[in-house]
Amino acid sequence: MGMGDAKGRAVSGCRGVTAPAAVIVVILLSMVWLLRHEGRVWWCECRTSRVWIGDVWTSHCSQHLSDPYSLTHLSHGLIFFGLLWPLRRRVGLSWRFVIAVGVASGWEVLENSTFIIERYRTVTMSLDYLGDSVVNSAGDVLCCALGFWAAWRLGLWRTVAVFVASEALLLVLIRDNLTLNVVMLAWPIEAVRAWQAAGH
């Protein structure tokens, strides 16, 4: 192989990474703009900046970089990798990652819409939920991205094990997890809501 061939492959490989990265930047900037347009604050209005908030019942939850619900967003990444796996022969890993980030970012915008916020406040344990800060939404997308890459590295059964362990841990710690979150948002069960509230 000549120097020209090697240089051509290097340029091609660079383009293969640059295009998805550029799309991800556009997606994230669009998410931030839309969240601000929806009235979301940059960070917690308490004027403190924390990396982690462990109490889901406090008004600080969903206002700082991460909280227990960050684990549910990591699970999003695990799930997205699995759902996109059948496309592997037609869509490269980088572009599947772009799709995962795009869906996660889209959910952050939808989750912070007035309709979904009111839905959370009405039918789930998140009675005082007022929406995420922009930084928290960015942290959620980052967790999804980490989950996607973790699934790629771990393989099927270890990914399933991580998902199950995460769901069990959250159930014990905060009486909530991704599964219950989806169930309560879509088909509220009063007995589950009462059990969750009893942990407050």
C-alpha atoms as a PDB file:
ATOM      1  CA  MET A   1       0.000   0.000   0.000  1.00  0.00           C
ATOM      2  CA  GLY A   2       1.413   3.392  -0.966  1.00  0.00           C
ATOM      3  CA  MET A   3       1.564   6.567   1.073  1.00  0.00           C
ATOM      4  CA  GLY A   4      -1.333   7.963  -0.928  1.00  0.00           C
ATOM      5  CA  ASP A   5      -3.518   4.987   0.006  1.00  0.00           C
ATOM      6  CA  ALA A   6      -2.618   5.315   3.684  1.00  0.00           C
ATOM      7  CA  LYS A   7      -3.367   9.034   3.653  1.00  0.00           C
ATOM      8  CA  GLY A   8      -6.669   8.398   1.894  1.00  0.00           C
ATOM      9  CA  ARG A   9      -7.725   5.890   4.544  1.00  0.00           C
ATOM     10  CA  ALA A  10      -6.738   8.257   7.339  1.00  0.00           C
ATOM     11  CA  VAL A  11      -8.808  11.064   5.835  1.00  0.00           C
ATOM     12  CA  SER A  12     -11.739   8.716   5.278  1.00  0.00           C
ATOM     13  CA  GLY A  13     -11.549   7.491   8.874  1.00  0.00           C
ATOM     14  CA  CYS A  14     -11.415  11.057  10.143  1.00  0.00           C
ATOM     15  CA  ARG A  15     -14.496  11.962   8.122  1.00  0.00           C
ATOM     16  CA  GLY A  16     -16.226   8.863   9.455  1.00  0.00           C
ATOM     17  CA  VAL A  17     -15.863  10.212  12.977  1.00  0.00           C
ATOM     18  CA  THR A  18     -16.235  13.925  12.255  1.00  0.00           C
ATOM     19  CA  ALA A  19     -19.661  13.783  10.603  1.00  0.00           C
ATOM     20  CA  PRO A  20     -21.415  11.930  13.477  1.00  0.00           C
ATOM     21  CA  ALA A  21     -19.656  14.171  16.010  1.00  0.00           C
ATOM     22  CA  ALA A  22     -20.850  17.281  14.184  1.00  0.00           C
ATOM     23  CA  VAL A  23     -24.426  15.979  14.132  1.00  0.00           C
ATOM     24  CA  ILE A  24     -24.253  15.255  17.874  1.00  0.00           C
ATOM     25  CA  VAL A  25     -23.080  18.821  18.548  1.00  0.00           C
ATOM     26  CA  VAL A  26     -26.035  20.177  16.534  1.00  0.00           C
ATOM     27  CA  ILE A  27     -28.431  17.863  18.419  1.00  0.00           C
ATOM     28  CA  LEU A  28     -27.130  18.967  21.827  1.00  0.00           C
ATOM     29  CA  LEU A  29     -27.169  22.664  20.959  1.00  0.00           C
ATOM     30  CA  SER A  30     -30.721  22.284  19.652  1.00  0.00           C
ATOM     31  CA  MET A  31     -31.750  20.527  22.860  1.00  0.00           C
ATOM     32  CA  VAL A  32     -30.282  23.309  24.988  1.00  0.00           C
ATOM     33  CA  TRP A  33     -32.020  25.984  22.902  1.00  0.00           C
ATOM     34  CA  LEU A  34     -35.374  24.206  23.110  1.00  0.00           C
ATOM     35  CA  LEU A  35     -35.053  23.634  26.863  1.00  0.00           C
ATOM     36  CA  ARG A  36     -34.296  27.302  27.421  1.00  0.00           C
ATOM     37  CA  HIS A  37     -37.226  28.171  25.146  1.00  0.00           C
ATOM     38  CA  GLU A  38     -39.417  26.007  27.404  1.00  0.00           C
ATOM     39  CA  GLY A  39     -38.256  28.075  30.373  1.00  0.00           C
ATOM     40  CA  ARG A  40     -35.808  25.629  31.917  1.00  0.00           C
ATOM     41  CA  VAL A  41     -33.117  27.196  34.120  1.00  0.00           C
ATOM     42  CA  TRP A  42     -29.428  26.538  33.465  1.00  0.00           C
ATOM     43  CA  TRP A  43     -28.779  25.117  36.930  1.00  0.00           C
ATOM     44  CA  CYS A  44     -30.556  24.913  40.272  1.00  0.00           C
ATOM     45  CA  GLU A  45     -32.111  28.202  41.362  1.00  0.00           C
ATOM     46  CA  CYS A  46     -30.589  27.611  44.801  1.00  0.00           C
ATOM     47  CA  ARG A  47     -27.407  29.107  43.303  1.00  0.00           C
ATOM     48  CA  THR A  48     -25.262  26.140  44.349  1.00  0.00           C
ATOM     49  CA  SER A  49     -23.618  23.748  41.901  1.00  0.00           C
ATOM     50  CA  ARG A  50     -23.545  20.093  42.884  1.00  0.00           C
ATOM     51  CA  VAL A  51     -22.455  17.069  40.919  1.00  0.00           C
ATOM     52  CA  TRP A  52     -24.778  14.692  42.772  1.00  0.00           C
ATOM     53  CA  ILE A  53     -28.066  14.973  44.696  1.00  0.00           C
ATOM     54  CA  GLY A  54     -29.171  11.752  46.381  1.00  0.00           C
ATOM     55  CA  ASP A  55     -32.566  12.759  47.801  1.00  0.00           C
ATOM     56  CA  VAL A  56     -35.297  12.411  45.177  1.00  0.00           C
ATOM     57  CA  TRP A  57     -37.846  14.137  47.412  1.00  0.00           C
ATOM     58  CA  THR A  58     -35.960  17.405  47.581  1.00  0.00           C
ATOM     59  CA  SER A  59     -36.526  20.317  45.209  1.00  0.00           C
ATOM     60  CA  HIS A  60     -32.845  19.911  44.251  1.00  0.00           C
ATOM     61  CA  CYS A  61     -33.608  16.656  42.416  1.00  0.00           C
ATOM     62  CA  SER A  62     -33.371  17.077  38.633  1.00  0.00           C
ATOM     63  CA  GLN A  63     -31.721  20.467  39.139  1.00  0.00           C
ATOM     64  CA  HIS A  64     -28.071  19.461  39.408  1.00  0.00           C
ATOM     65  CA  LEU A  65     -25.805  17.394  37.170  1.00  0.00           C
ATOM     66  CA  SER A  66     -26.872  13.973  38.441  1.00  0.00           C
ATOM     67  CA  ASP A  67     -29.238  12.214  40.842  1.00  0.00           C
ATOM     68  CA  PRO A  68     -30.580   8.659  41.307  1.00  0.00           C
ATOM     69  CA  TYR A  69     -32.654   9.023  38.138  1.00  0.00           C
ATOM     70  CA  SER A  70     -29.417   9.365  36.186  1.00  0.00           C
ATOM     71  CA  LEU A  71     -29.227   5.563  36.435  1.00  0.00           C
ATOM     72  CA  THR A  72     -32.498   5.275  34.515  1.00  0.00           C
ATOM     73  CA  HIS A  73     -30.931   7.309  31.708  1.00  0.00           C
ATOM     74  CA  LEU A  74     -27.918   5.008  31.706  1.00  0.00           C
ATOM     75  CA  SER A  75     -30.461   2.215  31.241  1.00  0.00           C
ATOM     76  CA  HIS A  76     -31.872   4.131  28.284  1.00  0.00           C
ATOM     77  CA  GLY A  77     -28.476   3.784  26.637  1.00  0.00           C
ATOM     78  CA  LEU A  78     -28.370   0.050  27.329  1.00  0.00           C
ATOM     79  CA  ILE A  79     -31.816  -0.347  25.793  1.00  0.00           C
ATOM     80  CA  PHE A  80     -31.107   1.863  22.774  1.00  0.00           C
ATOM     81  CA  PHE A  81     -28.011  -0.153  21.936  1.00  0.00           C
ATOM     82  CA  GLY A  82     -30.094  -3.332  21.969  1.00  0.00           C
ATOM     83  CA  LEU A  83     -32.921  -1.828  19.924  1.00  0.00           C
ATOM     84  CA  LEU A  84     -30.497  -0.514  17.311  1.00  0.00           C
ATOM     85  CA  TRP A  85     -28.449  -3.730  17.140  1.00  0.00           C
ATOM     86  CA  PRO A  86     -30.521  -5.197  14.254  1.00  0.00           C
ATOM     87  CA  LEU A  87     -29.418  -2.199  12.128  1.00  0.00           C
ATOM     88  CA  ARG A  88     -25.709  -2.983  12.529  1.00  0.00           C
ATOM     89  CA  ARG A  89     -25.271  -4.318   8.976  1.00  0.00           C
ATOM     90  CA  ARG A  90     -26.654  -1.125   7.427  1.00  0.00           C
ATOM     91  CA  VAL A  91     -25.847   1.533  10.027  1.00  0.00           C
ATOM     92  CA  GLY A  92     -22.396   1.912  11.560  1.00  0.00           C
ATOM     93  CA  LEU A  93     -21.787   2.109  15.306  1.00  0.00           C
ATOM     94  CA  SER A  94     -21.117   5.862  15.241  1.00  0.00           C
ATOM     95  CA  TRP A  95     -24.399   6.625  13.510  1.00  0.00           C
ATOM     96  CA  ARG A  96     -26.332   4.309  15.812  1.00  0.00           C
ATOM     97  CA  PHE A  97     -24.776   6.294  18.651  1.00  0.00           C
ATOM     98  CA  VAL A  98     -26.018   9.494  17.002  1.00  0.00           C
ATOM     99  CA  ILE A  99     -29.532   8.031  16.870  1.00  0.00           C
ATOM    100  CA  ALA A 100     -29.358   7.113  20.566  1.00  0.00           C
ATOM    101  CA  VAL A 101     -28.195  10.614  21.514  1.00  0.00           C
ATOM    102  CA  GLY A 102     -30.883  12.115  19.292  1.00  0.00           C
ATOM    103  CA  VAL A 103     -33.657  10.081  20.920  1.00  0.00           C
ATOM    104  CA  ALA A 104     -32.328  10.843  24.411  1.00  0.00           C
ATOM    105  CA  SER A 105     -32.160  14.564  23.629  1.00  0.00           C
ATOM    106  CA  GLY A 106     -35.627  14.509  22.111  1.00  0.00           C
ATOM    107  CA  TRP A 107     -36.983  12.860  25.244  1.00  0.00           C
ATOM    108  CA  GLU A 108     -35.380  15.555  27.423  1.00  0.00           C
ATOM    109  CA  VAL A 109     -37.232  18.212  25.451  1.00  0.00           C
ATOM    110  CA  LEU A 110     -40.525  16.282  25.579  1.00  0.00           C
ATOM    111  CA  GLU A 111     -40.075  15.415  29.267  1.00  0.00           C
ATOM    112  CA  ASN A 112     -39.793  19.109  30.064  1.00  0.00           C
ATOM    113  CA  SER A 113     -42.902  20.107  28.163  1.00  0.00           C
ATOM    114  CA  THR A 114     -45.842  21.370  30.208  1.00  0.00           C
ATOM    115  CA  PHE A 115     -47.919  18.295  29.333  1.00  0.00           C
ATOM    116  CA  ILE A 116     -45.366  15.741  30.573  1.00  0.00           C
ATOM    117  CA  ILE A 117     -44.461  17.781  33.672  1.00  0.00           C
ATOM    118  CA  GLU A 118     -48.126  17.916  34.662  1.00  0.00           C
ATOM    119  CA  ARG A 119     -48.464  14.202  33.904  1.00  0.00           C
ATOM    120  CA  TYR A 120     -45.582  13.416  36.253  1.00  0.00           C
ATOM    121  CA  ARG A 121     -47.059  15.627  38.964  1.00  0.00           C
ATOM    122  CA  THR A 122     -50.513  14.082  38.618  1.00  0.00           C
ATOM    123  CA  VAL A 123     -49.906  10.335  38.345  1.00  0.00           C
ATOM    124  CA  THR A 124     -46.398   9.548  39.648  1.00  0.00           C
ATOM    125  CA  MET A 125     -44.459   9.967  42.886  1.00  0.00           C
ATOM    126  CA  SER A 126     -42.924  13.184  41.480  1.00  0.00           C
ATOM    127  CA  LEU A 127     -45.583  15.453  42.987  1.00  0.00           C
ATOM    128  CA  ASP A 128     -43.321  18.496  43.110  1.00  0.00           C
ATOM    129  CA  TYR A 129     -41.580  17.924  39.783  1.00  0.00           C
ATOM    130  CA  LEU A 130     -41.121  21.221  37.951  1.00  0.00           C
ATOM    131  CA  GLY A 131     -38.876  20.058  35.117  1.00  0.00           C
ATOM    132  CA  ASP A 132     -35.137  19.520  34.740  1.00  0.00           C
ATOM    133  CA  SER A 133     -32.444  22.143  34.645  1.00  0.00           C
ATOM    134  CA  VAL A 134     -30.479  22.335  31.402  1.00  0.00           C
ATOM    135  CA  VAL A 135     -27.412  20.924  33.159  1.00  0.00           C
ATOM    136  CA  ASN A 136     -29.426  17.992  34.507  1.00  0.00           C
ATOM    137  CA  SER A 137     -30.787  17.245  31.040  1.00  0.00           C
ATOM    138  CA  ALA A 138     -27.248  17.337  29.664  1.00  0.00           C
ATOM    139  CA  GLY A 139     -26.179  14.949  32.424  1.00  0.00           C
ATOM    140  CA  ASP A 140     -29.055  12.617  31.517  1.00  0.00           C
ATOM    141  CA  VAL A 141     -27.988  12.531  27.869  1.00  0.00           C
ATOM    142  CA  LEU A 142     -24.400  11.876  28.977  1.00  0.00           C
ATOM    143  CA  CYS A 143     -25.600   8.943  31.085  1.00  0.00           C
ATOM    144  CA  CYS A 144     -27.498   7.566  28.104  1.00  0.00           C
ATOM    145  CA  ALA A 145     -24.338   7.867  26.004  1.00  0.00           C
ATOM    146  CA  LEU A 146     -22.334   6.033  28.678  1.00  0.00           C
ATOM    147  CA  GLY A 147     -24.970   3.301  28.794  1.00  0.00           C
ATOM    148  CA  PHE A 148     -24.825   2.882  25.015  1.00  0.00           C
ATOM    149  CA  TRP A 149     -21.041   2.457  25.014  1.00  0.00           C
ATOM    150  CA  ALA A 150     -21.175   0.201  28.090  1.00  0.00           C
ATOM    151  CA  ALA A 151     -23.577  -2.121  26.249  1.00  0.00           C
ATOM    152  CA  TRP A 152     -21.226  -2.180  23.265  1.00  0.00           C
ATOM    153  CA  ARG A 153     -18.348  -3.250  25.501  1.00  0.00           C
ATOM    154  CA  LEU A 154     -20.222  -5.616  27.820  1.00  0.00           C
ATOM    155  CA  GLY A 155     -22.168  -7.811  25.418  1.00  0.00           C
ATOM    156  CA  LEU A 156     -25.739  -9.052  25.795  1.00  0.00           C
ATOM    157  CA  TRP A 157     -25.860 -10.933  29.088  1.00  0.00           C
ATOM    158  CA  ARG A 158     -23.662  -8.602  31.090  1.00  0.00           C
ATOM    159  CA  THR A 159     -25.715  -5.677  29.760  1.00  0.00           C
ATOM    160  CA  VAL A 160     -28.898  -7.423  30.921  1.00  0.00           C
ATOM    161  CA  ALA A 161     -27.274  -8.008  34.308  1.00  0.00           C
ATOM    162  CA  VAL A 162     -26.339  -4.324  34.640  1.00  0.00           C
ATOM    163  CA  PHE A 163     -29.882  -3.276  33.706  1.00  0.00           C
ATOM    164  CA  VAL A 164     -31.490  -5.644  36.218  1.00  0.00           C
ATOM    165  CA  ALA A 165     -29.040  -4.633  38.959  1.00  0.00           C
ATOM    166  CA  SER A 166     -29.714  -0.934  38.303  1.00  0.00           C
ATOM    167  CA  GLU A 167     -33.479  -1.437  38.426  1.00  0.00           C
ATOM    168  CA  ALA A 168     -33.224  -3.440  41.667  1.00  0.00           C
ATOM    169  CA  LEU A 169     -30.905  -0.894  43.297  1.00  0.00           C
ATOM    170  CA  LEU A 170     -33.217   2.010  42.483  1.00  0.00           C
ATOM    171  CA  LEU A 171     -36.244   0.059  43.707  1.00  0.00           C
ATOM    172  CA  VAL A 172     -34.552  -0.446  47.081  1.00  0.00           C
ATOM    173  CA  LEU A 173     -33.111   3.065  47.387  1.00  0.00           C
ATOM    174  CA  ILE A 174     -35.924   5.284  46.072  1.00  0.00           C
ATOM    175  CA  ARG A 175     -38.876   2.930  45.428  1.00  0.00           C
ATOM    176  CA  ASP A 176     -38.754   3.873  41.768  1.00  0.00           C
ATOM    177  CA  ASN A 177     -36.893   2.822  38.617  1.00  0.00           C
ATOM    178  CA  LEU A 178     -37.201   3.003  34.851  1.00  0.00           C
ATOM    179  CA  THR A 179     -39.807   0.234  34.665  1.00  0.00           C
ATOM    180  CA  LEU A 180     -42.059   1.765  37.319  1.00  0.00           C
ATOM    181  CA  ASN A 181     -41.522   5.216  35.847  1.00  0.00           C
ATOM    182  CA  VAL A 182     -42.821   4.076  32.464  1.00  0.00           C
ATOM    183  CA  VAL A 183     -45.706   2.105  33.980  1.00  0.00           C
ATOM    184  CA  MET A 184     -46.835   4.954  36.215  1.00  0.00           C
ATOM    185  CA  LEU A 185     -46.551   7.505  33.431  1.00  0.00           C
ATOM    186  CA  ALA A 186     -48.562   5.391  30.983  1.00  0.00           C
ATOM    187  CA  TRP A 187     -50.891   3.350  33.216  1.00  0.00           C
ATOM    188  CA  PRO A 188     -50.966   4.800  36.761  1.00  0.00           C
ATOM    189  CA  ILE A 189     -51.538   2.290  39.564  1.00  0.00           C
ATOM    190  CA  GLU A 190     -52.719   3.926  42.780  1.00  0.00           C
ATOM    191  CA  ALA A 191     -51.404   1.094  44.984  1.00  0.00           C
ATOM    192  CA  VAL A 192     -47.905   1.575  43.557  1.00  0.00           C
ATOM    193  CA  ARG A 193     -48.101   5.325  44.015  1.00  0.00           C
ATOM    194  CA  ALA A 194     -49.175   4.884  47.659  1.00  0.00           C
ATOM    195  CA  TRP A 195     -46.285   2.459  48.268  1.00  0.00           C
ATOM    196  CA  GLN A 196     -43.822   4.884  46.758  1.00  0.00           C
ATOM    197  CA  ALA A 197     -45.171   7.797  48.794  1.00  0.00           C
ATOM    198  CA  ALA A 198     -44.821   5.750  51.981  1.00  0.00           C
ATOM    199  CA  GLY A 199     -41.057   5.810  51.478  1.00  0.00           C
ATOM    200  CA  HIS A 200     -40.944   9.601  51.765  1.00  0.00           C
END
